[in-house]
């Protein structure tokens, strides 16, 4: 396979995993390999948990802005 394109999403920062469309790809150098179903399910769950955590932190931000 080819390297991740610009439409690939890296939801976990600099970890070697990308989401392209509905597929998870493991990136190594200039190559990518599709994740199997079990790993893809775990990555989906982890991405959902990360998104929920990001929303929770964002919701706290306005309340803490005026306090010091």
PDB file of N, CA and C in Angstrom:
ATOM      1  N   UNK A   1       0.830  -1.182   0.000  1.00  0.00           N
ATOM      2  CA  UNK A   1       0.000   0.000   0.000  1.00  0.00           C
ATOM      3  C   UNK A   1       0.869   1.237   0.000  1.00  0.00           C
ATOM      4  N   UNK A   2       0.263   2.352  -0.233  1.00  0.00           N
ATOM      5  CA  UNK A   2       1.007   3.610  -0.311  1.00  0.00           C
ATOM      6  C   UNK A   2       0.996   4.328   1.026  1.00  0.00           C
ATOM      7  N   UNK A   3       1.756   5.377   1.089  1.00  0.00           N
ATOM      8  CA  UNK A   3       1.809   6.207   2.292  1.00  0.00           C
ATOM      9  C   UNK A   3       0.479   6.899   2.506  1.00  0.00           C
ATOM     10  N   UNK A   4       0.166   7.260   3.769  1.00  0.00           N
ATOM     11  CA  UNK A   4      -1.088   7.957   4.044  1.00  0.00           C
ATOM     12  C   UNK A   4      -1.183   9.253   3.256  1.00  0.00           C
ATOM     13  N   UNK A   5      -2.339   9.496   2.681  1.00  0.00           N
ATOM     14  CA  UNK A   5      -2.531  10.724   1.910  1.00  0.00           C
ATOM     15  C   UNK A   5      -3.018  11.838   2.818  1.00  0.00           C
ATOM     16  N   UNK A   6      -3.202  13.017   2.236  1.00  0.00           N
ATOM     17  CA  UNK A   6      -3.616  14.167   3.026  1.00  0.00           C
ATOM     18  C   UNK A   6      -5.035  14.022   3.566  1.00  0.00           C
ATOM     19  N   UNK A   7      -5.842  13.079   3.019  1.00  0.00           N
ATOM     20  CA  UNK A   7      -7.195  12.888   3.532  1.00  0.00           C
ATOM     21  C   UNK A   7      -7.223  11.954   4.738  1.00  0.00           C
ATOM     22  N   UNK A   8      -6.072  11.422   5.110  1.00  0.00           N
ATOM     23  CA  UNK A   8      -5.992  10.546   6.268  1.00  0.00           C
ATOM     24  C   UNK A   8      -6.019  11.375   7.543  1.00  0.00           C
ATOM     25  N   UNK A   9      -6.659  10.835   8.571  1.00  0.00           N
ATOM     26  CA  UNK A   9      -6.783  11.521   9.851  1.00  0.00           C
ATOM     27  C   UNK A   9      -5.927  10.795  10.877  1.00  0.00           C
ATOM     28  N   UNK A  10      -5.106  11.542  11.599  1.00  0.00           N
ATOM     29  CA  UNK A  10      -4.278  10.972  12.655  1.00  0.00           C
ATOM     30  C   UNK A  10      -4.893  11.360  14.003  1.00  0.00           C
ATOM     31  N   UNK A  11      -5.830  10.557  14.503  1.00  0.00           N
ATOM     32  CA  UNK A  11      -6.538  10.941  15.726  1.00  0.00           C
ATOM     33  C   UNK A  11      -5.731  10.792  17.006  1.00  0.00           C
ATOM     34  N   UNK A  12      -4.596  10.123  16.949  1.00  0.00           N
ATOM     35  CA  UNK A  12      -3.821   9.852  18.150  1.00  0.00           C
ATOM     36  C   UNK A  12      -2.448  10.512  18.094  1.00  0.00           C
ATOM     37  N   UNK A  13      -2.399  11.728  17.578  1.00  0.00           N
ATOM     38  CA  UNK A  13      -1.146  12.467  17.548  1.00  0.00           C
ATOM     39  C   UNK A  13      -0.113  11.840  16.643  1.00  0.00           C
ATOM     40  N   UNK A  14       1.033  11.522  17.217  1.00  0.00           N
ATOM     41  CA  UNK A  14       2.114  10.991  16.391  1.00  0.00           C
ATOM     42  C   UNK A  14       2.191   9.467  16.383  1.00  0.00           C
ATOM     43  N   UNK A  15       1.158   8.783  16.883  1.00  0.00           N
ATOM     44  CA  UNK A  15       1.147   7.317  16.809  1.00  0.00           C
ATOM     45  C   UNK A  15       1.026   6.876  15.357  1.00  0.00           C
ATOM     46  N   UNK A  16       1.586   5.734  15.011  1.00  0.00           N
ATOM     47  CA  UNK A  16       1.601   5.290  13.611  1.00  0.00           C
ATOM     48  C   UNK A  16       0.291   4.650  13.160  1.00  0.00           C
ATOM     49  N   UNK A  17      -0.804   5.350  13.368  1.00  0.00           N
ATOM     50  CA  UNK A  17      -2.110   4.846  12.939  1.00  0.00           C
ATOM     51  C   UNK A  17      -2.879   6.008  12.326  1.00  0.00           C
ATOM     52  N   UNK A  18      -3.568   5.742  11.225  1.00  0.00           N
ATOM     53  CA  UNK A  18      -4.355   6.769  10.553  1.00  0.00           C
ATOM     54  C   UNK A  18      -5.713   6.204  10.206  1.00  0.00           C
ATOM     55  N   UNK A  19      -6.663   7.087  10.077  1.00  0.00           N
ATOM     56  CA  UNK A  19      -8.020   6.711   9.657  1.00  0.00           C
ATOM     57  C   UNK A  19      -8.219   7.296   8.267  1.00  0.00           C
ATOM     58  N   UNK A  20      -8.526   6.441   7.313  1.00  0.00           N
ATOM     59  CA  UNK A  20      -8.806   6.895   5.952  1.00  0.00           C
ATOM     60  C   UNK A  20     -10.179   6.338   5.578  1.00  0.00           C
ATOM     61  N   UNK A  21     -11.149   7.255   5.499  1.00  0.00           N
ATOM     62  CA  UNK A  21     -12.522   6.802   5.242  1.00  0.00           C
ATOM     63  C   UNK A  21     -13.012   5.972   6.404  1.00  0.00           C
ATOM     64  N   UNK A  22     -13.417   4.747   6.125  1.00  0.00           N
ATOM     65  CA  UNK A  22     -13.912   3.870   7.191  1.00  0.00           C
ATOM     66  C   UNK A  22     -12.880   2.819   7.596  1.00  0.00           C
ATOM     67  N   UNK A  23     -11.620   2.982   7.171  1.00  0.00           N
ATOM     68  CA  UNK A  23     -10.578   2.004   7.472  1.00  0.00           C
ATOM     69  C   UNK A  23      -9.488   2.594   8.345  1.00  0.00           C
ATOM     70  N   UNK A  24      -8.978   1.780   9.255  1.00  0.00           N
ATOM     71  CA  UNK A  24      -7.815   2.131  10.050  1.00  0.00           C
ATOM     72  C   UNK A  24      -6.595   1.552   9.368  1.00  0.00           C
ATOM     73  N   UNK A  25      -5.537   2.342   9.282  1.00  0.00           N
ATOM     74  CA  UNK A  25      -4.297   1.896   8.664  1.00  0.00           C
ATOM     75  C   UNK A  25      -3.151   2.081   9.641  1.00  0.00           C
ATOM     76  N   UNK A  26      -2.284   1.075   9.697  1.00  0.00           N
ATOM     77  CA  UNK A  26      -1.071   1.164  10.490  1.00  0.00           C
ATOM     78  C   UNK A  26       0.028   1.635   9.552  1.00  0.00           C
ATOM     79  N   UNK A  27       0.705   2.701   9.915  1.00  0.00           N
ATOM     80  CA  UNK A  27       1.714   3.300   9.048  1.00  0.00           C
ATOM     81  C   UNK A  27       3.109   2.929   9.543  1.00  0.00           C
ATOM     82  N   UNK A  28       3.955   2.542   8.603  1.00  0.00           N
ATOM     83  CA  UNK A  28       5.350   2.226   8.915  1.00  0.00           C
ATOM     84  C   UNK A  28       6.193   2.745   7.772  1.00  0.00           C
ATOM     85  N   UNK A  29       6.913   3.819   8.021  1.00  0.00           N
ATOM     86  CA  UNK A  29       7.719   4.402   6.961  1.00  0.00           C
ATOM     87  C   UNK A  29       6.831   4.913   5.838  1.00  0.00           C
ATOM     88  N   UNK A  30       7.049   4.424   4.648  1.00  0.00           N
ATOM     89  CA  UNK A  30       6.257   4.875   3.504  1.00  0.00           C
ATOM     90  C   UNK A  30       5.144   3.894   3.146  1.00  0.00           C
ATOM     91  N   UNK A  31       4.926   2.888   3.979  1.00  0.00           N
ATOM     92  CA  UNK A  31       3.900   1.872   3.702  1.00  0.00           C
ATOM     93  C   UNK A  31       2.803   1.896   4.761  1.00  0.00           C
ATOM     94  N   UNK A  32       1.633   1.418   4.403  1.00  0.00           N
ATOM     95  CA  UNK A  32       0.534   1.266   5.355  1.00  0.00           C
ATOM     96  C   UNK A  32      -0.051  -0.131   5.214  1.00  0.00           C
ATOM     97  N   UNK A  33      -0.632  -0.617   6.307  1.00  0.00           N
ATOM     98  CA  UNK A  33      -1.277  -1.921   6.336  1.00  0.00           C
ATOM     99  C   UNK A  33      -2.622  -1.738   7.018  1.00  0.00           C
ATOM    100  N   UNK A  34      -3.666  -2.332   6.472  1.00  0.00           N
ATOM    101  CA  UNK A  34      -4.991  -2.234   7.080  1.00  0.00           C
ATOM    102  C   UNK A  34      -5.021  -2.983   8.410  1.00  0.00           C
ATOM    103  N   UNK A  35      -5.675  -2.388   9.389  1.00  0.00           N
ATOM    104  CA  UNK A  35      -5.863  -3.049  10.676  1.00  0.00           C
ATOM    105  C   UNK A  35      -6.931  -4.128  10.535  1.00  0.00           C
ATOM    106  N   UNK A  36      -6.793  -5.212  11.296  1.00  0.00           N
ATOM    107  CA  UNK A  36      -7.820  -6.252  11.261  1.00  0.00           C
ATOM    108  C   UNK A  36      -9.059  -5.777  12.017  1.00  0.00           C
ATOM    109  N   UNK A  37     -10.134  -6.541  11.951  1.00  0.00           N
ATOM    110  CA  UNK A  37     -11.417  -6.104  12.542  1.00  0.00           C
ATOM    111  C   UNK A  37     -11.331  -5.872  14.040  1.00  0.00           C
ATOM    112  N   UNK A  38     -10.636  -6.748  14.751  1.00  0.00           N
ATOM    113  CA  UNK A  38     -10.548  -6.609  16.210  1.00  0.00           C
ATOM    114  C   UNK A  38      -9.790  -5.337  16.582  1.00  0.00           C
ATOM    115  N   UNK A  39      -8.671  -5.094  15.936  1.00  0.00           N
ATOM    116  CA  UNK A  39      -7.906  -3.877  16.221  1.00  0.00           C
ATOM    117  C   UNK A  39      -8.692  -2.645  15.799  1.00  0.00           C
ATOM    118  N   UNK A  40      -9.366  -2.705  14.662  1.00  0.00           N
ATOM    119  CA  UNK A  40     -10.172  -1.570  14.199  1.00  0.00           C
ATOM    120  C   UNK A  40     -11.266  -1.243  15.217  1.00  0.00           C
ATOM    121  N   UNK A  41     -11.896  -2.266  15.791  1.00  0.00           N
ATOM    122  CA  UNK A  41     -12.928  -2.027  16.802  1.00  0.00           C
ATOM    123  C   UNK A  41     -12.332  -1.357  18.037  1.00  0.00           C
ATOM    124  N   UNK A  42     -11.157  -1.801  18.452  1.00  0.00           N
ATOM    125  CA  UNK A  42     -10.489  -1.176  19.599  1.00  0.00           C
ATOM    126  C   UNK A  42     -10.097   0.269  19.294  1.00  0.00           C
ATOM    127  N   UNK A  43      -9.599   0.508  18.086  1.00  0.00           N
ATOM    128  CA  UNK A  43      -9.230   1.872  17.707  1.00  0.00           C
ATOM    129  C   UNK A  43     -10.457   2.780  17.644  1.00  0.00           C
ATOM    130  N   UNK A  44     -11.590   2.267  17.147  1.00  0.00           N
ATOM    131  CA  UNK A  44     -12.832   3.042  17.140  1.00  0.00           C
ATOM    132  C   UNK A  44     -13.239   3.422  18.559  1.00  0.00           C
ATOM    133  N   UNK A  45     -13.175   2.452  19.476  1.00  0.00           N
ATOM    134  CA  UNK A  45     -13.546   2.720  20.873  1.00  0.00           C
ATOM    135  C   UNK A  45     -12.596   3.739  21.502  1.00  0.00           C
ATOM    136  N   UNK A  46     -11.307   3.602  21.229  1.00  0.00           N
ATOM    137  CA  UNK A  46     -10.332   4.534  21.780  1.00  0.00           C
ATOM    138  C   UNK A  46     -10.525   5.934  21.212  1.00  0.00           C
ATOM    139  N   UNK A  47     -10.790   6.031  19.924  1.00  0.00           N
ATOM    140  CA  UNK A  47     -11.027   7.337  19.300  1.00  0.00           C
ATOM    141  C   UNK A  47     -12.267   8.001  19.892  1.00  0.00           C
ATOM    142  N   UNK A  48     -13.320   7.207  20.142  1.00  0.00           N
ATOM    143  CA  UNK A  48     -14.542   7.757  20.741  1.00  0.00           C
ATOM    144  C   UNK A  48     -14.264   8.248  22.162  1.00  0.00           C
ATOM    145  N   UNK A  49     -13.477   7.494  22.913  1.00  0.00           N
ATOM    146  CA  UNK A  49     -13.130   7.907  24.278  1.00  0.00           C
ATOM    147  C   UNK A  49     -12.281   9.177  24.269  1.00  0.00           C
ATOM    148  N   UNK A  50     -11.342   9.271  23.342  1.00  0.00           N
ATOM    149  CA  UNK A  50     -10.510  10.477  23.233  1.00  0.00           C
ATOM    150  C   UNK A  50     -11.365  11.697  22.869  1.00  0.00           C
ATOM    151  N   UNK A  51     -12.308  11.522  21.954  1.00  0.00           N
ATOM    152  CA  UNK A  51     -13.183  12.623  21.558  1.00  0.00           C
ATOM    153  C   UNK A  51     -14.049  13.072  22.736  1.00  0.00           C
ATOM    154  N   UNK A  52     -14.553  12.114  23.505  1.00  0.00           N
ATOM    155  CA  UNK A  52     -15.364  12.449  24.683  1.00  0.00           C
ATOM    156  C   UNK A  52     -14.524  13.199  25.717  1.00  0.00           C
ATOM    157  N   UNK A  53     -13.290  12.774  25.904  1.00  0.00           N
ATOM    158  CA  UNK A  53     -12.404  13.464  26.848  1.00  0.00           C
ATOM    159  C   UNK A  53     -12.109  14.883  26.368  1.00  0.00           C
ATOM    160  N   UNK A  54     -11.870  15.042  25.080  1.00  0.00           N
ATOM    161  CA  UNK A  54     -11.635  16.385  24.526  1.00  0.00           C
ATOM    162  C   UNK A  54     -12.836  17.291  24.749  1.00  0.00           C
ATOM    163  N   UNK A  55     -14.045  16.749  24.546  1.00  0.00           N
ATOM    164  CA  UNK A  55     -15.257  17.549  24.765  1.00  0.00           C
ATOM    165  C   UNK A  55     -15.409  17.917  26.233  1.00  0.00           C
ATOM    166  N   UNK A  56     -15.106  16.987  27.124  1.00  0.00           N
ATOM    167  CA  UNK A  56     -15.223  17.258  28.561  1.00  0.00           C
ATOM    168  C   UNK A  56     -14.247  18.344  28.995  1.00  0.00           C
ATOM    169  N   UNK A  57     -13.029  18.291  28.501  1.00  0.00           N
ATOM    170  CA  UNK A  57     -12.040  19.320  28.835  1.00  0.00           C
ATOM    171  C   UNK A  57     -12.467  20.665  28.260  1.00  0.00           C
ATOM    172  N   UNK A  58     -12.962  20.663  27.033  1.00  0.00           N
ATOM    173  CA  UNK A  58     -13.423  21.915  26.415  1.00  0.00           C
ATOM    174  C   UNK A  58     -14.592  22.515  27.190  1.00  0.00           C
ATOM    175  N   UNK A  59     -15.454  21.667  27.723  1.00  0.00           N
ATOM    176  CA  UNK A  59     -16.598  22.162  28.496  1.00  0.00           C
ATOM    177  C   UNK A  59     -16.145  22.781  29.818  1.00  0.00           C
ATOM    178  N   UNK A  60     -15.044  22.325  30.374  1.00  0.00           N
ATOM    179  CA  UNK A  60     -14.532  22.888  31.626  1.00  0.00           C
ATOM    180  C   UNK A  60     -13.839  24.227  31.412  1.00  0.00           C
ATOM    181  N   UNK A  61     -13.277  24.440  30.267  1.00  0.00           N
ATOM    182  CA  UNK A  61     -12.463  25.618  30.006  1.00  0.00           C
ATOM    183  C   UNK A  61     -13.161  26.944  30.326  1.00  0.00           C
ATOM    184  N   UNK A  62     -14.391  27.185  29.880  1.00  0.00           N
ATOM    185  CA  UNK A  62     -15.022  28.485  30.190  1.00  0.00           C
ATOM    186  C   UNK A  62     -15.208  28.710  31.691  1.00  0.00           C
ATOM    187  N   UNK A  63     -15.447  27.647  32.450  1.00  0.00           N
ATOM    188  CA  UNK A  63     -15.659  27.806  33.889  1.00  0.00           C
ATOM    189  C   UNK A  63     -14.375  28.161  34.618  1.00  0.00           C
ATOM    190  N   UNK A  64     -13.245  27.734  34.121  1.00  0.00           N
ATOM    191  CA  UNK A  64     -11.984  27.988  34.831  1.00  0.00           C
ATOM    192  C   UNK A  64     -11.300  29.261  34.358  1.00  0.00           C
ATOM    193  N   UNK A  65     -11.801  29.890  33.341  1.00  0.00           N
ATOM    194  CA  UNK A  65     -11.144  31.049  32.742  1.00  0.00           C
ATOM    195  C   UNK A  65     -11.031  32.228  33.705  1.00  0.00           C
ATOM    196  N   UNK A  66     -12.069  32.503  34.479  1.00  0.00           N
ATOM    197  CA  UNK A  66     -12.061  33.670  35.355  1.00  0.00           C
ATOM    198  C   UNK A  66     -11.380  33.423  36.695  1.00  0.00           C
ATOM    199  N   UNK A  67     -11.100  32.164  37.010  1.00  0.00           N
ATOM    200  CA  UNK A  67     -10.498  31.837  38.312  1.00  0.00           C
ATOM    201  C   UNK A  67      -8.985  31.759  38.197  1.00  0.00           C
ATOM    202  N   UNK A  68      -8.314  32.281  39.208  1.00  0.00           N
ATOM    203  CA  UNK A  68      -6.850  32.147  39.269  1.00  0.00           C
ATOM    204  C   UNK A  68      -6.400  32.101  40.677  1.00  0.00           C
TER     205      UNK A  68
END
